[in-house]
Protein backbone atom coordinates (compact mmCIF):
# COMPACT_ATOMS: atom_id res chain seq x y z
CA MET A 1 26.84 -97.64 79.07
CA ALA A 2 28.37 -97.03 76.02
CA LEU A 3 25.48 -97.75 73.78
CA ARG A 4 23.48 -95.06 75.73
CA ARG A 5 25.86 -92.42 75.50
CA ARG A 6 26.16 -92.80 71.55
CA ALA A 7 22.72 -92.41 71.58
CA ALA A 8 22.52 -89.64 73.45
CA ALA A 9 25.04 -87.88 71.24
CA ALA A 10 23.28 -88.52 68.02
CA PRO A 11 20.77 -85.44 68.22
CA LEU A 12 23.51 -83.12 68.91
CA ASP A 13 25.64 -84.32 65.99
CA PHE A 14 22.43 -84.02 63.81
CA ARG A 15 21.53 -80.23 65.15
CA PHE A 16 24.51 -78.84 64.85
CA HIS A 17 26.34 -80.07 61.68
CA ARG A 18 24.16 -79.08 58.25
CA PRO A 19 23.98 -80.86 55.09
CA ASP A 20 26.48 -79.73 52.08
CA ALA A 21 23.65 -78.80 50.18
CA LEU A 22 21.82 -76.31 52.40
CA ALA A 23 25.27 -74.89 52.89
CA LYS A 24 26.09 -74.16 49.36
CA LEU A 25 22.28 -72.76 48.80
CA CYS A 26 23.14 -70.13 51.82
CA ARG A 27 26.78 -68.84 50.33
CA TYR A 28 25.48 -68.57 46.66
CA LEU A 29 22.10 -66.32 48.25
CA SER A 30 24.79 -64.25 50.10
CA LEU A 31 26.98 -63.77 47.35
CA ALA A 32 23.53 -62.74 45.45
CA LEU A 33 22.83 -60.14 47.67
CA LEU A 34 26.05 -58.82 47.65
CA CYS A 35 26.08 -58.55 44.05
CA LEU A 36 22.91 -56.83 43.73
CA ALA A 37 23.51 -54.12 46.37
CA ALA A 38 26.76 -53.45 44.21
CA PHE A 39 24.58 -53.12 41.25
CA ALA A 40 22.06 -50.81 42.72
CA ASP A 41 25.00 -48.52 44.39
CA HIS A 42 26.57 -48.26 41.03
CA LEU A 43 23.09 -47.52 39.34
CA LEU A 44 22.28 -44.83 41.65
CA ARG A 45 25.78 -43.06 41.10
CA ALA A 46 25.16 -43.09 37.31
CA LEU A 47 21.71 -41.93 37.67
CA ARG A 48 22.61 -39.16 40.24
CA PRO A 49 23.17 -36.34 37.92
CA VAL A 50 19.59 -36.82 36.29
CA LEU A 51 17.93 -37.29 39.20
CA VAL A 52 19.55 -33.95 40.52
CA VAL A 53 18.38 -32.08 37.31
CA LEU A 54 15.00 -33.57 37.55
CA ALA A 55 14.66 -32.54 41.31
CA ALA A 56 15.39 -29.03 40.15
CA GLY A 57 13.16 -28.56 37.68
CA ARG A 58 10.53 -30.05 39.60
CA PHE A 59 11.43 -27.50 42.57
CA ARG A 60 11.85 -24.20 40.29
CA GLU A 61 8.39 -25.25 38.61
CA ARG A 62 6.99 -25.37 41.97
CA LYS A 63 8.34 -22.04 43.20
CA THR A 64 7.86 -20.02 39.96
CA GLY A 65 4.14 -21.41 39.27
CA CYS A 66 0.95 -19.77 39.61
CA ALA A 67 -1.69 -20.78 41.52
CA THR A 68 -4.14 -21.67 39.08
CA ALA A 69 -3.81 -24.16 36.28
CA GLY A 70 -5.67 -21.87 33.58
CA SER A 71 -2.61 -18.89 34.26
CA ARG A 72 0.20 -21.18 33.84
CA GLY A 73 2.16 -21.31 30.82
CA VAL A 74 0.95 -23.87 27.84
CA LYS A 75 2.47 -26.04 25.51
CA PRO A 76 2.08 -24.84 21.97
CA LYS A 77 0.04 -26.88 19.74
CA PRO A 78 1.61 -28.07 16.27
CA PRO A 79 1.99 -25.30 13.78
CA ARG A 80 -0.73 -24.84 11.22
CA VAL A 81 0.70 -21.41 9.53
CA ALA A 82 4.19 -20.86 8.90
CA SER A 83 6.10 -18.06 7.49
CA ILE A 84 9.63 -18.03 5.75
CA VAL A 85 11.12 -14.85 5.49
CA VAL A 86 14.37 -14.45 3.21
CA ALA A 87 16.63 -11.98 4.79
CA GLU A 88 17.47 -8.82 2.37
CA THR A 89 21.15 -9.55 1.35
CA ARG A 90 22.48 -8.05 -2.01
CA GLU A 91 25.05 -10.10 -2.41
CA GLU A 92 23.71 -13.69 -1.63
CA ARG A 93 21.61 -15.18 -4.38
CA ILE A 94 18.37 -17.15 -3.70
CA SER A 95 18.37 -20.92 -4.06
CA TRP A 96 15.10 -22.26 -4.96
CA ALA A 97 15.70 -25.63 -4.28
CA ARG A 98 16.08 -24.93 -0.53
CA ILE A 99 13.02 -22.77 -0.33
CA ALA A 100 11.06 -25.37 -1.70
CA ASP A 101 12.53 -27.79 0.31
CA LEU A 102 11.20 -25.89 3.17
CA ILE A 103 8.05 -25.47 1.79
CA VAL A 104 7.81 -28.99 1.27
CA TRP A 105 8.89 -29.87 5.29
CA CYS A 106 6.38 -27.37 6.28
CA GLY A 107 3.79 -29.48 5.01
CA GLN A 108 5.26 -33.16 6.24
CA ALA A 109 5.08 -31.24 9.65
CA GLY A 110 1.41 -30.65 9.52
CA MET A 111 1.51 -26.88 8.62
CA ARG A 112 -1.19 -25.81 5.66
CA TYR A 113 -0.47 -22.24 5.07
CA VAL A 114 2.99 -21.20 4.09
CA PHE A 115 3.98 -17.43 3.43
CA VAL A 116 7.40 -17.02 1.66
CA TYR A 117 8.41 -13.51 1.95
CA ASP A 118 10.96 -12.56 -0.56
CA PRO A 119 11.22 -8.97 -0.16
CA ARG A 120 13.37 -8.08 -3.42
CA GLY A 121 10.34 -9.84 -5.25
CA LEU A 122 12.84 -12.15 -7.48
CA ALA A 123 10.29 -15.04 -7.10
CA LYS A 124 7.62 -12.69 -9.47
CA GLU A 125 10.50 -11.89 -11.67
CA ASN A 126 11.30 -15.37 -12.25
CA PRO A 127 8.46 -17.65 -11.54
CA GLU A 128 9.84 -20.50 -13.56
CA GLY A 129 12.86 -20.93 -11.03
CA ILE A 130 10.40 -21.40 -7.62
CA ALA A 131 7.76 -23.54 -9.89
CA GLY A 132 10.78 -25.75 -11.25
CA ALA A 133 12.04 -26.37 -7.63
CA LEU A 134 8.48 -27.02 -6.25
CA LYS A 135 8.09 -29.74 -8.88
CA ILE A 136 11.52 -31.40 -7.62
CA ALA A 137 10.39 -30.87 -4.15
CA ASN A 138 7.13 -32.09 -4.01
CA LYS A 139 7.79 -35.33 -5.40
CA GLN A 140 8.64 -36.40 -1.71
CA GLY A 141 5.70 -34.49 -0.37
CA GLY A 142 2.84 -35.46 -2.91
CA TRP A 143 1.02 -32.49 -1.53
CA ASP A 144 -1.74 -30.71 -3.77
CA ILE A 145 0.32 -26.85 -3.34
CA ARG A 146 -2.39 -24.15 -3.98
CA TRP A 147 0.12 -21.48 -4.78
CA THR A 148 -0.10 -17.55 -5.72
CA PHE A 149 2.01 -14.59 -6.02
CA GLY A 150 0.85 -11.98 -3.35
CA TRP A 151 -3.00 -11.61 -2.21
CA ASP A 152 -4.25 -12.56 -5.46
CA THR A 153 -7.19 -14.99 -5.55
CA HIS A 154 -6.73 -16.48 -8.68
CA GLN A 155 -4.49 -19.68 -7.69
CA SER A 156 -2.60 -22.52 -9.32
CA ILE A 157 -2.44 -25.82 -8.03
CA LEU A 158 0.63 -28.09 -8.21
CA LYS A 159 -0.31 -31.85 -8.47
CA PRO A 160 2.41 -34.45 -7.14
CA ASP A 161 2.97 -35.11 -10.94
CA GLY A 162 4.28 -31.80 -11.64
CA VAL A 163 1.06 -30.69 -13.61
CA PHE A 164 -0.01 -26.67 -13.05
CA ILE A 165 -4.26 -26.34 -12.77
CA ALA A 166 -4.97 -22.63 -12.94
CA GLN A 167 -8.12 -22.33 -10.99
CA ASN A 168 -9.95 -19.51 -8.95
CA GLY A 169 -8.69 -19.51 -5.69
CA GLN A 170 -12.15 -17.86 -3.89
CA SER A 171 -13.06 -21.28 -2.51
CA ILE A 172 -9.99 -20.79 -0.13
CA ASP A 173 -11.36 -17.53 1.28
CA LYS A 174 -14.83 -19.42 1.55
CA GLU A 175 -13.48 -22.19 3.70
CA LEU A 176 -12.02 -19.67 5.65
CA ARG A 177 -15.10 -17.69 6.03
CA ASP A 178 -16.92 -20.74 7.34
CA HIS A 179 -14.44 -22.12 9.56
CA GLY A 180 -12.98 -19.05 10.95
CA LYS A 181 -9.80 -19.78 13.06
CA GLN A 182 -9.92 -23.53 12.48
CA HIS A 183 -8.46 -23.26 9.16
CA VAL A 184 -9.92 -26.46 7.78
CA ILE A 185 -7.66 -27.52 4.72
CA PRO A 186 -7.60 -31.17 3.30
CA GLN A 187 -4.91 -33.01 4.74
CA ASP A 188 -3.07 -33.34 1.02
CA HIS A 189 -3.59 -29.43 0.58
CA LEU A 190 -1.07 -27.22 1.37
CA VAL A 191 -1.79 -22.81 0.53
CA LEU A 192 1.48 -21.01 -0.38
CA HIS A 193 1.61 -17.19 -0.48
CA ILE A 194 4.92 -15.96 -2.26
CA LEU A 195 5.08 -12.21 -1.00
CA SER A 196 7.40 -9.28 -1.69
CA ARG A 197 7.65 -5.93 -0.06
CA GLN A 198 4.81 -4.73 -2.21
CA ASP A 199 2.36 -6.92 -0.71
CA SER A 200 3.49 -5.47 2.87
CA VAL A 201 2.77 -1.83 2.14
CA ALA A 202 -0.51 -2.65 -0.46
CA PRO A 203 -2.88 -3.91 2.41
CA VAL A 204 -2.19 -1.33 4.69
CA LEU A 205 -3.11 1.31 2.05
CA LYS A 206 -6.23 -0.23 0.38
CA ALA A 207 -7.54 -0.06 4.16
CA VAL A 208 -6.54 3.06 4.45
CA MET A 209 -8.53 4.12 0.94
CA HIS A 210 -11.35 2.00 2.02
CA SER A 211 -11.81 3.78 5.27
CA ARG A 212 -11.66 7.25 3.68
CA SER A 213 -14.37 6.30 1.37
CA ALA A 214 -16.63 4.46 3.72
CA SER A 215 -19.44 6.27 5.29
CA GLU A 216 -19.62 8.37 8.42
CA ASP A 217 -21.37 5.96 10.42
CA ALA A 218 -18.37 3.20 9.81
CA PRO A 219 -15.49 3.47 12.62
CA PRO A 220 -12.33 5.31 11.44
CA LEU A 221 -9.08 3.71 11.47
CA CYS A 222 -7.31 6.30 13.45
CA ASP A 223 -8.66 9.20 16.22
CA SER A 224 -8.00 12.03 13.68
CA ALA A 225 -9.45 12.29 10.18
CA ASP A 226 -7.15 14.58 9.28
CA SER A 227 -3.96 12.53 9.64
CA LEU A 228 -2.55 9.34 9.94
CA GLU A 229 0.53 7.58 10.64
CA LEU A 230 1.60 4.22 10.84
CA PRO A 231 2.46 2.22 14.02
CA HIS A 232 5.95 2.72 15.04
CA ARG A 233 6.70 -1.27 14.51
CA ALA A 234 5.23 -1.20 11.29
CA GLU A 235 6.96 2.16 10.21
CA ALA A 236 10.54 0.75 11.37
CA SER A 237 10.32 -2.78 9.90
CA ILE A 238 8.37 -1.81 6.68
CA GLY A 239 10.82 0.89 6.15
CA TYR A 240 7.65 3.20 4.91
CA CYS A 241 6.06 6.13 5.79
CA LEU A 242 2.24 6.60 5.42
CA HIS A 243 0.56 10.17 5.69
CA VAL A 244 -2.98 10.86 4.70
CA ARG A 245 -3.80 14.25 4.38
CA ALA A 246 -6.96 16.29 4.29
CA ASP A 247 -6.38 18.46 1.92
CA SER A 248 -5.43 15.74 -0.88
CA ASN A 249 -7.58 12.74 -2.19
CA ASN A 250 -4.03 10.83 -2.31
CA ALA A 251 -2.18 8.90 -0.36
CA LEU A 252 1.79 10.02 -0.18
CA LEU A 253 4.24 6.91 0.28
CA GLN A 254 7.39 8.43 0.94
CA GLN A 255 10.56 5.91 1.17
CA PRO A 256 13.72 7.15 2.28
CA GLN A 257 16.84 5.85 0.16
CA ASP A 258 18.74 2.96 1.69
CA ARG A 259 22.46 3.68 2.07
CA SER A 260 23.23 -0.12 2.43
CA MET A 261 21.20 -1.04 -0.58
CA GLY A 262 21.45 2.07 -2.82
CA SER A 263 18.69 4.08 -3.91
CA GLY A 264 15.34 2.42 -2.89
CA HIS A 265 12.74 1.05 -5.86
CA THR A 266 9.47 2.57 -6.28
CA GLU A 267 6.76 -0.33 -6.21
CA ASP A 268 4.46 -1.22 -8.94
CA ALA A 269 1.66 1.28 -8.54
CA ALA A 270 -0.82 -0.72 -10.76
CA ALA A 271 -1.35 -3.37 -7.92
CA LEU A 272 -2.31 -0.85 -5.44
CA PRO A 273 -5.61 1.64 -5.67
CA SER A 274 -6.15 4.23 -8.34
CA GLN A 275 -6.22 7.07 -5.36
CA VAL A 276 -2.91 5.96 -4.06
CA CYS A 277 0.28 7.88 -5.48
CA LEU A 278 3.76 6.36 -4.76
CA GLU A 279 6.84 8.71 -4.34
CA GLU A 280 10.32 8.26 -3.56
CA THR A 281 12.06 11.34 -1.58
CA SER A 282 14.73 12.18 0.29
CA PRO A 283 14.67 12.66 3.99
CA LYS A 284 14.89 16.25 3.59
CA THR A 285 11.74 15.84 1.66
CA VAL A 286 9.90 14.24 4.28
CA GLN A 287 10.70 16.27 6.90
CA HIS A 288 9.62 19.36 4.70
CA SER A 289 6.06 17.40 4.43
CA ASN A 290 6.01 16.22 7.91
CA SER A 291 6.46 20.13 8.81
CA SER A 292 3.72 21.65 6.54
CA THR A 293 0.94 19.37 8.21
CA ASN A 294 -0.07 21.22 11.69
CA ALA A 295 -2.91 18.59 12.13
CA PRO A 296 -2.04 16.28 14.82
CA ARG A 297 -1.40 12.57 14.22
CA SER A 298 -2.69 9.33 15.71
CA ALA A 299 -1.67 5.92 15.35
CA LEU A 300 -3.64 3.08 13.66
CA LYS A 301 -6.02 1.02 15.74
CA PRO A 302 -4.48 -2.26 15.11
CA HIS A 303 -7.86 -4.29 15.38
CA LEU A 304 -9.73 -1.77 13.01
CA LEU A 305 -6.61 -2.27 10.76
CA ARG A 306 -6.99 -6.18 10.28
CA SER A 307 -10.47 -6.19 10.17
CA GLN A 308 -10.26 -3.66 7.17
CA ILE A 309 -7.39 -5.89 5.62
CA GLN A 310 -9.70 -8.66 5.90
CA GLU A 311 -12.47 -7.08 3.81
CA THR A 312 -10.45 -5.29 1.18
CA VAL A 313 -7.66 -7.84 0.57
CA CYS A 314 -8.40 -11.53 1.31
CA GLU A 315 -9.34 -13.75 4.18
CA SER A 316 -5.89 -15.32 4.04
CA ALA A 317 -4.04 -11.93 4.52
CA VAL A 318 -4.93 -11.63 8.11
CA LEU A 319 -3.49 -15.07 9.09
CA GLU A 320 -1.10 -14.81 11.89
CA PRO A 321 1.75 -17.65 11.37
CA GLU A 322 2.44 -19.21 14.74
CA ILE A 323 6.27 -20.31 13.67
CA MET A 324 8.62 -18.15 11.28
CA PHE A 325 11.99 -19.02 9.89
CA VAL A 326 14.43 -17.09 8.55
CA VAL A 327 16.90 -17.83 6.18
CA GLY A 328 19.79 -15.63 4.45
CA GLY A 329 22.84 -13.89 5.21
CA ALA A 330 21.67 -11.89 8.52
CA LEU A 331 18.73 -12.15 11.03
CA SER A 332 16.11 -9.94 9.91
CA LEU A 333 12.78 -9.64 8.73
CA SER A 334 13.68 -6.99 6.17
CA GLY A 335 10.02 -5.56 6.02
CA CYS A 336 7.73 -8.21 5.98
CA PRO A 337 3.62 -7.90 6.85
CA PRO A 338 3.80 -6.88 10.62
CA TRP A 339 0.46 -8.39 11.48
CA HIS A 340 2.15 -11.63 10.45
CA ALA A 341 4.97 -10.86 13.19
CA ARG A 342 2.89 -10.17 16.14
CA PHE A 343 2.76 -13.78 18.17
CA SER A 344 5.09 -15.26 15.91
CA GLU A 345 8.20 -17.58 17.43
CA ILE A 346 11.31 -16.33 14.93
CA TYR A 347 14.00 -19.14 14.59
CA TYR A 348 17.18 -18.31 12.56
CA LEU A 349 18.19 -21.28 10.50
CA GLY A 350 21.21 -19.54 8.81
CA ALA A 351 22.43 -19.14 5.38
CA LEU A 352 20.05 -20.78 2.55
CA THR A 353 23.49 -23.22 1.15
CA GLY A 354 23.71 -24.46 4.43
CA ILE A 355 20.14 -25.55 5.94
CA THR A 356 19.74 -29.37 6.47
CA LYS A 357 16.27 -30.85 7.41
CA LYS A 358 17.81 -31.20 10.60
CA ASN A 359 18.14 -27.97 11.37
CA PHE A 360 14.35 -27.57 10.61
CA GLU A 361 13.81 -30.27 13.13
CA SER A 362 15.88 -28.84 15.82
CA ALA A 363 13.98 -25.26 15.41
CA LEU A 364 10.55 -27.06 15.34
CA SER A 365 11.39 -29.12 18.29
CA ARG A 366 12.41 -25.90 20.25
CA TYR A 367 9.20 -24.59 19.27
CA MET A 368 7.12 -27.22 20.49
CA GLY A 369 9.62 -27.06 23.93
CA THR A 370 8.71 -23.43 24.78
CA GLU A 371 6.05 -22.40 27.16
CA GLN A 372 3.80 -19.72 25.80
CA ARG A 373 2.17 -16.89 28.15
CA PHE A 374 -0.25 -14.35 26.57
CA GLY A 375 -2.18 -11.63 28.69
CA VAL A 376 -1.69 -11.01 32.03
């Protein structure tokens, strides 16, 4: 009887007493699951602010977005045309080394056209300064820089080894005329225009004189042929007032005196058409001249003005920079060509002495992160 009871109890002992290896495995698995749950909870708590920001941005995009994808704001493409505006400050000296660094950085970022606007014309007075700075800065860029002062078609080529080669720049206008808005320029070439205040006024005067001397079949630049006035934005940014009177063949360019900069300076009349007369008068003379003309005035038509400038000056004069960098002691365009600032994203980099490549890259990244909406 004892043997039977022991045999019957054997299966019960085997069923309820597990081996030690299986028990250890279960304990390890339970500990692993507890650790994994704790890690997941810690990770979710750490990523909670990021998830909230992403969810809010997605909700805002759905709430404010348009129904069609064609009307939404688009991310801008990498800029191909850039402009550097040196703010007009009398006390600050221009650091040509920093200007040259900005030009080379624009080339490294993929820009093929760079306009440097120097309102005081110091670069024209001292071409050796900007040329020497470009030689040093271009060693790290390795570009063939086609550069010129103003809208002259005769350009010089600066090789990476510092050699200047004089060349007729008509080929650049031909490339623009052949390719239209694509701005096809070799990858190792950079087109540079160094402009002054005169270069923002002379194209308008040339276009006006060309329109007056054209045939009657050509569309006029303004609705009234007796009197012509610059647009308000151009007059405010350039600081000039242009009037073309029917009783005279000359265009009177009147420049009021600037109190902050002293008496204004008269531009070089040799660069303008022979029919254009430059005069510097006081505000009283401007008021008297305006009251003497009874004919109604009308604003210039921008699309006709642009085509006339393209025809009378050069093809590259009507290029519109996508991005504009303002450097100097103040955030001011200082009278840069108004057709350059129509659609440009303007970024202020601060004083010339404190500009670094990090500031330039930060402005460029902000440009690439903006949404652009044109039209209705």
